[in-house]
Amino acid sequence: MIYHTIVIEETGESFRCAPTETLLAGMERLGKKGIPVGCRGGGCGVCKVEITAGSYAKRVMSRDYVSVDDEAADRVLACRVKPTSDLRLKVLGKMAKNVCRPQPAIAAAA
């Protein structure tokens, strides 16, 4: 299977995402606690991101959370977007607090 590399600009972290899965599903594999996932159907708006580079396929999203202007500016919901190339994104809104939080350093074994 082909995988695309997704880079989160705020942290420099990256994850692999298959073209058959949503960005949110791939992001969850980062293992960060507290990533809000909400409804997973485009109706709650908690997984809003801005795609800054790359291409993607998208499904219908609630206009309550993604306006026509947002969509035109590549601000979309991660639960409704599947990559068609490598992507770069910025995390917006409620999800930024947990996705962009630095991970605690793991203590070296003595």
N, C-alpha and C. Protein backbone atom coordinates (compact mmCIF):
# COMPACT_ATOMS: atom_id res chain seq x y z
N MET A 1 0.84 -1.19 0.00
CA MET A 1 0.00 0.00 0.00
C MET A 1 0.88 1.25 0.00
N ILE A 2 0.42 2.25 -0.68
CA ILE A 2 1.12 3.54 -0.71
C ILE A 2 0.71 4.35 0.51
N TYR A 3 1.67 4.99 1.13
CA TYR A 3 1.39 5.89 2.26
C TYR A 3 1.92 7.27 1.92
N HIS A 4 1.26 8.28 2.45
CA HIS A 4 1.71 9.65 2.30
C HIS A 4 2.24 10.13 3.65
N THR A 5 3.23 11.00 3.61
CA THR A 5 3.79 11.58 4.82
C THR A 5 3.09 12.90 5.10
N ILE A 6 2.58 13.04 6.31
CA ILE A 6 1.87 14.23 6.73
C ILE A 6 2.72 14.91 7.79
N VAL A 7 3.03 16.18 7.60
CA VAL A 7 3.86 16.94 8.55
C VAL A 7 3.00 17.99 9.25
N ILE A 8 3.10 18.02 10.58
CA ILE A 8 2.42 19.04 11.37
C ILE A 8 3.40 20.19 11.54
N GLU A 9 3.10 21.33 10.95
CA GLU A 9 4.06 22.43 10.92
C GLU A 9 4.45 22.94 12.28
N GLU A 10 3.51 23.01 13.23
CA GLU A 10 3.82 23.59 14.54
C GLU A 10 4.85 22.78 15.31
N THR A 11 4.88 21.46 15.11
CA THR A 11 5.77 20.61 15.90
C THR A 11 6.87 19.96 15.07
N GLY A 12 6.70 19.93 13.75
CA GLY A 12 7.66 19.23 12.91
C GLY A 12 7.44 17.72 12.89
N GLU A 13 6.47 17.24 13.66
CA GLU A 13 6.18 15.80 13.69
C GLU A 13 5.57 15.37 12.37
N SER A 14 5.74 14.10 12.06
CA SER A 14 5.13 13.58 10.85
C SER A 14 4.52 12.22 11.15
N PHE A 15 3.57 11.84 10.33
CA PHE A 15 2.96 10.53 10.43
C PHE A 15 2.60 10.06 9.04
N ARG A 16 2.45 8.74 8.90
CA ARG A 16 2.06 8.17 7.62
C ARG A 16 0.55 8.03 7.58
N CYS A 17 0.01 8.24 6.40
CA CYS A 17 -1.44 8.15 6.24
C CYS A 17 -1.72 7.54 4.87
N ALA A 18 -2.49 6.48 4.86
CA ALA A 18 -2.87 5.84 3.60
C ALA A 18 -3.93 6.69 2.90
N PRO A 19 -3.99 6.63 1.60
CA PRO A 19 -5.01 7.40 0.87
C PRO A 19 -6.44 6.94 1.17
N THR A 20 -6.57 5.80 1.82
CA THR A 20 -7.89 5.28 2.16
C THR A 20 -8.35 5.67 3.56
N GLU A 21 -7.49 6.40 4.31
CA GLU A 21 -7.86 6.79 5.67
C GLU A 21 -7.82 8.30 5.83
N THR A 22 -8.55 8.78 6.82
CA THR A 22 -8.61 10.22 7.04
C THR A 22 -7.36 10.71 7.76
N LEU A 23 -7.11 12.01 7.63
CA LEU A 23 -6.00 12.62 8.36
C LEU A 23 -6.17 12.42 9.86
N LEU A 24 -7.39 12.50 10.35
CA LEU A 24 -7.62 12.32 11.79
C LEU A 24 -7.20 10.93 12.25
N ALA A 25 -7.52 9.91 11.48
CA ALA A 25 -7.12 8.54 11.84
C ALA A 25 -5.60 8.42 11.91
N GLY A 26 -4.92 9.01 10.95
CA GLY A 26 -3.47 8.99 10.96
C GLY A 26 -2.90 9.76 12.14
N MET A 27 -3.48 10.91 12.43
CA MET A 27 -3.03 11.76 13.52
C MET A 27 -3.17 11.06 14.87
N GLU A 28 -4.20 10.27 15.02
CA GLU A 28 -4.41 9.55 16.27
C GLU A 28 -3.27 8.58 16.57
N ARG A 29 -2.59 8.09 15.54
CA ARG A 29 -1.47 7.17 15.76
C ARG A 29 -0.25 7.86 16.36
N LEU A 30 -0.25 9.19 16.41
CA LEU A 30 0.86 9.89 17.07
C LEU A 30 0.90 9.54 18.55
N GLY A 31 -0.22 9.05 19.08
CA GLY A 31 -0.26 8.61 20.47
C GLY A 31 -0.35 9.72 21.49
N LYS A 32 -0.76 10.90 21.05
CA LYS A 32 -0.88 12.01 22.00
C LYS A 32 -2.20 11.89 22.75
N LYS A 33 -2.14 12.11 24.05
CA LYS A 33 -3.35 12.03 24.85
C LYS A 33 -4.21 13.26 24.61
N GLY A 34 -5.50 13.05 24.60
CA GLY A 34 -6.43 14.16 24.55
C GLY A 34 -6.70 14.75 23.18
N ILE A 35 -6.32 14.07 22.10
CA ILE A 35 -6.69 14.59 20.78
C ILE A 35 -8.20 14.48 20.67
N PRO A 36 -8.89 15.62 20.57
CA PRO A 36 -10.34 15.52 20.49
C PRO A 36 -10.76 14.98 19.14
N VAL A 37 -11.62 13.99 19.16
CA VAL A 37 -12.05 13.39 17.91
C VAL A 37 -13.51 13.65 17.59
N GLY A 38 -14.30 14.06 18.54
CA GLY A 38 -15.68 14.45 18.27
C GLY A 38 -16.47 13.40 17.52
N CYS A 39 -17.21 13.86 16.53
CA CYS A 39 -18.19 13.00 15.86
C CYS A 39 -17.60 12.14 14.74
N ARG A 40 -16.45 12.50 14.21
CA ARG A 40 -15.80 11.81 13.07
C ARG A 40 -16.60 11.89 11.78
N GLY A 41 -17.61 12.76 11.74
CA GLY A 41 -18.45 12.83 10.55
C GLY A 41 -18.58 14.22 9.96
N GLY A 42 -17.73 15.16 10.40
CA GLY A 42 -17.76 16.50 9.82
C GLY A 42 -18.78 17.43 10.43
N GLY A 43 -19.38 17.03 11.56
CA GLY A 43 -20.43 17.85 12.13
C GLY A 43 -20.11 18.59 13.40
N CYS A 44 -18.90 18.41 13.98
CA CYS A 44 -18.63 19.06 15.27
C CYS A 44 -17.51 20.10 15.20
N GLY A 45 -16.61 19.99 14.24
CA GLY A 45 -15.59 21.01 14.04
C GLY A 45 -14.35 20.94 14.90
N VAL A 46 -14.21 19.94 15.77
CA VAL A 46 -13.05 19.93 16.68
C VAL A 46 -11.73 19.56 16.00
N CYS A 47 -11.78 18.98 14.82
CA CYS A 47 -10.54 18.52 14.17
C CYS A 47 -10.13 19.40 12.99
N LYS A 48 -10.35 20.70 13.12
CA LYS A 48 -10.08 21.62 12.01
C LYS A 48 -8.58 21.82 11.81
N VAL A 49 -8.16 21.73 10.56
CA VAL A 49 -6.77 21.93 10.17
C VAL A 49 -6.71 22.82 8.94
N GLU A 50 -5.54 23.36 8.69
CA GLU A 50 -5.31 24.11 7.45
C GLU A 50 -4.23 23.39 6.67
N ILE A 51 -4.55 22.95 5.47
CA ILE A 51 -3.58 22.28 4.61
C ILE A 51 -2.74 23.37 3.95
N THR A 52 -1.43 23.33 4.18
CA THR A 52 -0.55 24.37 3.62
C THR A 52 0.22 23.89 2.40
N ALA A 53 0.27 22.58 2.17
CA ALA A 53 0.94 22.05 0.98
C ALA A 53 0.41 20.65 0.73
N GLY A 54 0.29 20.29 -0.54
CA GLY A 54 -0.14 18.96 -0.92
C GLY A 54 -1.58 18.93 -1.41
N SER A 55 -2.01 17.75 -1.81
CA SER A 55 -3.37 17.59 -2.35
C SER A 55 -4.13 16.56 -1.53
N TYR A 56 -5.45 16.67 -1.60
CA TYR A 56 -6.30 15.81 -0.79
C TYR A 56 -7.69 15.70 -1.42
N ALA A 57 -8.40 14.66 -0.99
CA ALA A 57 -9.80 14.49 -1.35
C ALA A 57 -10.61 14.81 -0.10
N LYS A 58 -11.76 15.45 -0.27
CA LYS A 58 -12.56 15.82 0.90
C LYS A 58 -14.00 15.39 0.71
N ARG A 59 -14.66 15.21 1.85
CA ARG A 59 -16.08 14.89 1.87
C ARG A 59 -16.82 16.07 2.47
N VAL A 60 -18.13 16.00 2.48
CA VAL A 60 -18.97 17.09 2.97
C VAL A 60 -18.68 17.39 4.44
N MET A 61 -18.59 18.69 4.76
CA MET A 61 -18.35 19.16 6.13
C MET A 61 -19.42 20.17 6.50
N SER A 62 -19.76 20.24 7.77
CA SER A 62 -20.79 21.18 8.23
C SER A 62 -20.36 22.62 7.98
N ARG A 63 -21.23 23.41 7.37
CA ARG A 63 -20.95 24.83 7.15
C ARG A 63 -20.96 25.61 8.47
N ASP A 64 -21.43 25.00 9.55
CA ASP A 64 -21.34 25.64 10.87
C ASP A 64 -19.87 25.77 11.29
N TYR A 65 -19.00 24.89 10.77
CA TYR A 65 -17.60 24.86 11.19
C TYR A 65 -16.61 25.14 10.06
N VAL A 66 -17.02 24.89 8.82
CA VAL A 66 -16.15 25.14 7.67
C VAL A 66 -16.96 25.95 6.66
N SER A 67 -16.66 27.25 6.61
CA SER A 67 -17.37 28.12 5.68
C SER A 67 -16.84 27.92 4.26
N VAL A 68 -17.51 28.49 3.29
CA VAL A 68 -17.04 28.44 1.90
C VAL A 68 -15.66 29.08 1.83
N ASP A 69 -15.46 30.19 2.55
CA ASP A 69 -14.14 30.85 2.56
C ASP A 69 -13.08 29.97 3.20
N ASP A 70 -13.43 29.29 4.32
CA ASP A 70 -12.49 28.35 4.96
C ASP A 70 -12.06 27.29 3.96
N GLU A 71 -13.04 26.67 3.32
CA GLU A 71 -12.75 25.59 2.39
C GLU A 71 -11.87 26.07 1.23
N ALA A 72 -12.14 27.27 0.74
CA ALA A 72 -11.33 27.84 -0.35
C ALA A 72 -9.90 28.10 0.11
N ALA A 73 -9.71 28.34 1.42
CA ALA A 73 -8.38 28.60 1.98
C ALA A 73 -7.75 27.32 2.55
N ASP A 74 -8.29 26.16 2.18
CA ASP A 74 -7.79 24.85 2.62
C ASP A 74 -7.88 24.64 4.12
N ARG A 75 -8.85 25.28 4.78
CA ARG A 75 -9.15 25.01 6.19
C ARG A 75 -10.31 24.03 6.21
N VAL A 76 -10.01 22.80 6.63
CA VAL A 76 -10.94 21.69 6.51
C VAL A 76 -10.95 20.86 7.80
N LEU A 77 -11.81 19.88 7.88
CA LEU A 77 -11.87 18.99 9.03
C LEU A 77 -11.08 17.72 8.73
N ALA A 78 -10.16 17.38 9.62
CA ALA A 78 -9.28 16.23 9.41
C ALA A 78 -10.05 14.92 9.29
N CYS A 79 -11.24 14.86 9.88
CA CYS A 79 -12.04 13.63 9.80
C CYS A 79 -12.68 13.45 8.43
N ARG A 80 -12.65 14.47 7.59
CA ARG A 80 -13.32 14.41 6.29
C ARG A 80 -12.35 14.52 5.11
N VAL A 81 -11.06 14.42 5.41
CA VAL A 81 -10.03 14.61 4.37
C VAL A 81 -9.12 13.39 4.30
N LYS A 82 -8.86 12.94 3.07
CA LYS A 82 -7.92 11.84 2.82
C LYS A 82 -6.82 12.37 1.90
N PRO A 83 -5.55 12.06 2.22
CA PRO A 83 -4.45 12.60 1.40
C PRO A 83 -4.37 11.92 0.04
N THR A 84 -4.01 12.71 -0.97
CA THR A 84 -3.71 12.16 -2.29
C THR A 84 -2.25 12.42 -2.65
N SER A 85 -1.52 13.04 -1.72
CA SER A 85 -0.08 13.29 -1.84
C SER A 85 0.45 13.51 -0.43
N ASP A 86 1.76 13.72 -0.29
CA ASP A 86 2.30 14.15 0.98
C ASP A 86 1.68 15.51 1.30
N LEU A 87 1.46 15.79 2.59
CA LEU A 87 0.82 17.03 3.01
C LEU A 87 1.59 17.71 4.13
N ARG A 88 1.39 19.02 4.22
CA ARG A 88 1.81 19.81 5.38
C ARG A 88 0.53 20.46 5.89
N LEU A 89 0.40 20.52 7.22
CA LEU A 89 -0.80 21.12 7.78
C LEU A 89 -0.51 21.87 9.05
N LYS A 90 -1.41 22.79 9.38
CA LYS A 90 -1.41 23.50 10.65
C LYS A 90 -2.67 23.07 11.39
N VAL A 91 -2.54 22.85 12.68
CA VAL A 91 -3.67 22.45 13.50
C VAL A 91 -4.36 23.71 14.01
N LEU A 92 -5.69 23.76 13.90
CA LEU A 92 -6.45 24.94 14.30
C LEU A 92 -7.38 24.61 15.47
N GLY A 93 -7.83 25.64 16.16
CA GLY A 93 -8.89 25.53 17.15
C GLY A 93 -8.59 24.61 18.31
N LYS A 94 -9.63 23.88 18.72
CA LYS A 94 -9.58 23.07 19.94
C LYS A 94 -8.52 21.99 19.90
N MET A 95 -8.20 21.48 18.75
CA MET A 95 -7.25 20.38 18.66
C MET A 95 -5.81 20.84 18.86
N ALA A 96 -5.50 22.10 18.60
CA ALA A 96 -4.12 22.59 18.66
C ALA A 96 -3.51 22.40 20.05
N LYS A 97 -4.29 22.61 21.09
CA LYS A 97 -3.77 22.51 22.47
C LYS A 97 -3.10 21.17 22.72
N ASN A 98 -3.73 20.08 22.29
CA ASN A 98 -3.20 18.75 22.57
C ASN A 98 -2.24 18.24 21.51
N VAL A 99 -2.50 18.54 20.26
CA VAL A 99 -1.62 18.05 19.20
C VAL A 99 -0.27 18.76 19.26
N CYS A 100 -0.27 20.04 19.59
CA CYS A 100 0.96 20.82 19.56
C CYS A 100 1.68 20.86 20.91
N ARG A 101 1.14 20.17 21.91
CA ARG A 101 1.79 20.13 23.22
C ARG A 101 3.07 19.31 23.12
N PRO A 102 4.19 19.82 23.68
CA PRO A 102 5.43 19.05 23.62
C PRO A 102 5.28 17.74 24.42
N GLN A 103 5.88 16.69 23.92
CA GLN A 103 5.87 15.41 24.63
C GLN A 103 6.91 15.46 25.73
N PRO A 104 6.61 14.88 26.91
CA PRO A 104 7.61 14.84 27.99
C PRO A 104 8.80 14.00 27.57
N ALA A 105 9.97 14.45 27.98
CA ALA A 105 11.19 13.71 27.64
C ALA A 105 11.18 12.39 28.40
N ILE A 106 11.66 11.34 27.77
CA ILE A 106 11.75 10.04 28.42
C ILE A 106 13.11 9.97 29.11
N ALA A 107 13.08 9.69 30.41
CA ALA A 107 14.32 9.64 31.18
C ALA A 107 15.20 8.48 30.70
N ALA A 108 16.47 8.76 30.61
CA ALA A 108 17.42 7.71 30.19
C ALA A 108 17.59 6.71 31.33
N ALA A 109 17.73 5.45 30.96
CA ALA A 109 17.94 4.42 31.98
C ALA A 109 19.29 4.61 32.64
N ALA A 110 19.31 4.49 33.94
CA ALA A 110 20.55 4.72 34.70
C ALA A 110 21.41 3.49 34.71
